[in-house]
Amino acid sequence: MERAILIAAGAAFTALCCALGRYFGKGKGAKWVNTTGDPGKVNMPETLKFLSKFMYALAVTMGGSGILAGITGIAGIFIAGMLLTVAVCIAVLIYMNVSGRFKL
């Protein structure tokens, strides 16, 4: 890919994830997250706080790798960032299912 495209795409993804992280961090967005329809089944403040941190982690891993790969011109950085992003997503899914923090 061209370097400018990588930098622009990485910056756009980083900005989007940071905006969502801030939105979730303020305690908003429960209607996007609660797919059960019953607000009593899920601990929304804890879930939104966790999703805020997750959005920031995605911004760093995926967006940061795109920006860094565009600046340096090394495609391996982008691939490593994608693999790290997949690892973060898997770890988040495991943590959310095992921890029990998000249930009432």
C-alpha atoms as a PDB file:
ATOM      1  CA  MET A   1       0.000   0.000   0.000  1.00  0.00           C
ATOM      2  CA  GLU A   2       1.032   3.536  -0.470  1.00  0.00           C
ATOM      3  CA  ARG A   3       2.439   5.230   2.606  1.00  0.00           C
ATOM      4  CA  ALA A   4      -0.018   8.128   2.624  1.00  0.00           C
ATOM      5  CA  ILE A   5      -2.973   5.750   2.493  1.00  0.00           C
ATOM      6  CA  LEU A   6      -1.639   3.788   5.458  1.00  0.00           C
ATOM      7  CA  ILE A   7      -1.085   6.935   7.482  1.00  0.00           C
ATOM      8  CA  ALA A   8      -4.527   8.335   6.638  1.00  0.00           C
ATOM      9  CA  ALA A   9      -6.340   5.053   7.303  1.00  0.00           C
ATOM     10  CA  GLY A  10      -4.474   4.516  10.566  1.00  0.00           C
ATOM     11  CA  ALA A  11      -5.206   8.057  11.716  1.00  0.00           C
ATOM     12  CA  ALA A  12      -8.894   7.749  10.798  1.00  0.00           C
ATOM     13  CA  PHE A  13      -9.223   4.437  12.637  1.00  0.00           C
ATOM     14  CA  THR A  14      -7.391   5.823  15.653  1.00  0.00           C
ATOM     15  CA  ALA A  15      -9.641   8.894  15.751  1.00  0.00           C
ATOM     16  CA  LEU A  16     -12.794   6.768  15.461  1.00  0.00           C
ATOM     17  CA  CYS A  17     -11.734   4.359  18.212  1.00  0.00           C
ATOM     18  CA  CYS A  18     -10.665   7.195  20.506  1.00  0.00           C
ATOM     19  CA  ALA A  19     -13.998   8.961  19.951  1.00  0.00           C
ATOM     20  CA  LEU A  20     -15.895   5.759  20.783  1.00  0.00           C
ATOM     21  CA  GLY A  21     -13.667   5.170  23.794  1.00  0.00           C
ATOM     22  CA  ARG A  22     -14.439   8.609  25.111  1.00  0.00           C
ATOM     23  CA  TYR A  23     -18.169   8.169  24.395  1.00  0.00           C
ATOM     24  CA  PHE A  24     -18.307   4.842  26.218  1.00  0.00           C
ATOM     25  CA  GLY A  25     -16.138   6.244  29.010  1.00  0.00           C
ATOM     26  CA  LYS A  26     -18.765   8.893  29.737  1.00  0.00           C
ATOM     27  CA  GLY A  27     -21.309   6.124  30.358  1.00  0.00           C
ATOM     28  CA  LYS A  28     -23.189   6.625  27.108  1.00  0.00           C
ATOM     29  CA  GLY A  29     -23.955   4.109  24.387  1.00  0.00           C
ATOM     30  CA  ALA A  30     -25.808   1.514  26.437  1.00  0.00           C
ATOM     31  CA  LYS A  31     -28.446   1.181  23.727  1.00  0.00           C
ATOM     32  CA  TRP A  32     -25.704   0.156  21.249  1.00  0.00           C
ATOM     33  CA  VAL A  33     -24.193  -2.379  23.621  1.00  0.00           C
ATOM     34  CA  ASN A  34     -27.152  -4.024  25.366  1.00  0.00           C
ATOM     35  CA  THR A  35     -28.447  -6.515  22.826  1.00  0.00           C
ATOM     36  CA  THR A  36     -30.426  -8.524  25.379  1.00  0.00           C
ATOM     37  CA  GLY A  37     -33.179  -5.927  25.613  1.00  0.00           C
ATOM     38  CA  ASP A  38     -33.300  -6.377  29.390  1.00  0.00           C
ATOM     39  CA  PRO A  39     -31.216  -3.702  31.152  1.00  0.00           C
ATOM     40  CA  GLY A  40     -31.291  -5.730  34.364  1.00  0.00           C
ATOM     41  CA  LYS A  41     -29.172  -8.599  32.994  1.00  0.00           C
ATOM     42  CA  VAL A  42     -25.998  -6.654  32.275  1.00  0.00           C
ATOM     43  CA  ASN A  43     -23.987  -4.320  34.506  1.00  0.00           C
ATOM     44  CA  MET A  44     -23.885  -1.420  32.040  1.00  0.00           C
ATOM     45  CA  PRO A  45     -21.502   0.946  33.877  1.00  0.00           C
ATOM     46  CA  GLU A  46     -18.847  -1.776  34.130  1.00  0.00           C
ATOM     47  CA  THR A  47     -19.429  -2.908  30.560  1.00  0.00           C
ATOM     48  CA  LEU A  48     -19.156   0.598  29.148  1.00  0.00           C
ATOM     49  CA  LYS A  49     -16.003   1.319  31.153  1.00  0.00           C
ATOM     50  CA  PHE A  50     -14.460  -1.904  29.852  1.00  0.00           C
ATOM     51  CA  LEU A  51     -15.473  -1.173  26.263  1.00  0.00           C
ATOM     52  CA  SER A  52     -13.921   2.267  26.583  1.00  0.00           C
ATOM     53  CA  LYS A  53     -10.579   0.681  27.455  1.00  0.00           C
ATOM     54  CA  PHE A  54     -11.018  -1.824  24.637  1.00  0.00           C
ATOM     55  CA  MET A  55     -11.563   0.953  22.099  1.00  0.00           C
ATOM     56  CA  TYR A  56      -8.363   2.651  23.239  1.00  0.00           C
ATOM     57  CA  ALA A  57      -6.497  -0.661  22.920  1.00  0.00           C
ATOM     58  CA  LEU A  58      -7.764  -1.054  19.346  1.00  0.00           C
ATOM     59  CA  ALA A  59      -6.719   2.499  18.553  1.00  0.00           C
ATOM     60  CA  VAL A  60      -3.185   1.775  19.720  1.00  0.00           C
ATOM     61  CA  THR A  61      -2.766  -1.647  18.125  1.00  0.00           C
ATOM     62  CA  MET A  62      -4.522  -1.276  14.791  1.00  0.00           C
ATOM     63  CA  GLY A  63      -4.395   2.460  14.186  1.00  0.00           C
ATOM     64  CA  GLY A  64      -0.925   2.855  15.607  1.00  0.00           C
ATOM     65  CA  SER A  65       0.488   0.060  13.481  1.00  0.00           C
ATOM     66  CA  GLY A  66      -0.987   1.632  10.346  1.00  0.00           C
ATOM     67  CA  ILE A  67       0.480   5.027  11.144  1.00  0.00           C
ATOM     68  CA  LEU A  68       3.860   3.570  12.105  1.00  0.00           C
ATOM     69  CA  ALA A  69       3.996   1.367   9.005  1.00  0.00           C
ATOM     70  CA  GLY A  70       3.149   4.352   6.815  1.00  0.00           C
ATOM     71  CA  ILE A  71       5.842   6.500   8.388  1.00  0.00           C
ATOM     72  CA  THR A  72       8.597   3.880   8.268  1.00  0.00           C
ATOM     73  CA  GLY A  73       7.538   2.093   5.081  1.00  0.00           C
ATOM     74  CA  ILE A  74       7.958  -1.323   6.718  1.00  0.00           C
ATOM     75  CA  ALA A  75       4.999  -3.555   5.877  1.00  0.00           C
ATOM     76  CA  GLY A  76       5.890  -6.001   8.633  1.00  0.00           C
ATOM     77  CA  ILE A  77       4.861  -3.469  11.250  1.00  0.00           C
ATOM     78  CA  PHE A  78       1.363  -3.363   9.791  1.00  0.00           C
ATOM     79  CA  ILE A  79       1.114  -7.165   9.744  1.00  0.00           C
ATOM     80  CA  ALA A  80       2.391  -7.381  13.320  1.00  0.00           C
ATOM     81  CA  GLY A  81      -0.183  -4.789  14.348  1.00  0.00           C
ATOM     82  CA  MET A  82      -2.984  -6.784  12.754  1.00  0.00           C
ATOM     83  CA  LEU A  83      -1.850  -9.946  14.544  1.00  0.00           C
ATOM     84  CA  LEU A  84      -1.657  -8.029  17.814  1.00  0.00           C
ATOM     85  CA  THR A  85      -5.163  -6.666  17.196  1.00  0.00           C
ATOM     86  CA  VAL A  86      -6.512 -10.193  16.710  1.00  0.00           C
ATOM     87  CA  ALA A  87      -4.769 -11.296  19.911  1.00  0.00           C
ATOM     88  CA  VAL A  88      -6.299  -8.381  21.830  1.00  0.00           C
ATOM     89  CA  CYS A  89      -9.783  -9.212  20.497  1.00  0.00           C
ATOM     90  CA  ILE A  90      -9.453 -12.868  21.492  1.00  0.00           C
ATOM     91  CA  ALA A  91      -8.181 -11.910  24.945  1.00  0.00           C
ATOM     92  CA  VAL A  92     -11.098  -9.493  25.403  1.00  0.00           C
ATOM     93  CA  LEU A  93     -13.654 -12.142  24.446  1.00  0.00           C
ATOM     94  CA  ILE A  94     -12.139 -14.643  26.840  1.00  0.00           C
ATOM     95  CA  TYR A  95     -11.970 -12.094  29.663  1.00  0.00           C
ATOM     96  CA  MET A  96     -15.556 -10.935  29.186  1.00  0.00           C
ATOM     97  CA  ASN A  97     -16.866 -14.509  29.255  1.00  0.00           C
ATOM     98  CA  VAL A  98     -14.747 -15.761  32.150  1.00  0.00           C
ATOM     99  CA  SER A  99     -14.600 -12.805  34.541  1.00  0.00           C
ATOM    100  CA  GLY A 100     -18.279 -12.517  35.453  1.00  0.00           C
ATOM    101  CA  ARG A 101     -17.856  -8.771  36.152  1.00  0.00           C
ATOM    102  CA  PHE A 102     -20.519  -7.761  33.702  1.00  0.00           C
ATOM    103  CA  LYS A 103     -23.445  -9.792  35.023  1.00  0.00           C
ATOM    104  CA  LEU A 104     -25.693  -8.630  37.823  1.00  0.00           C
END
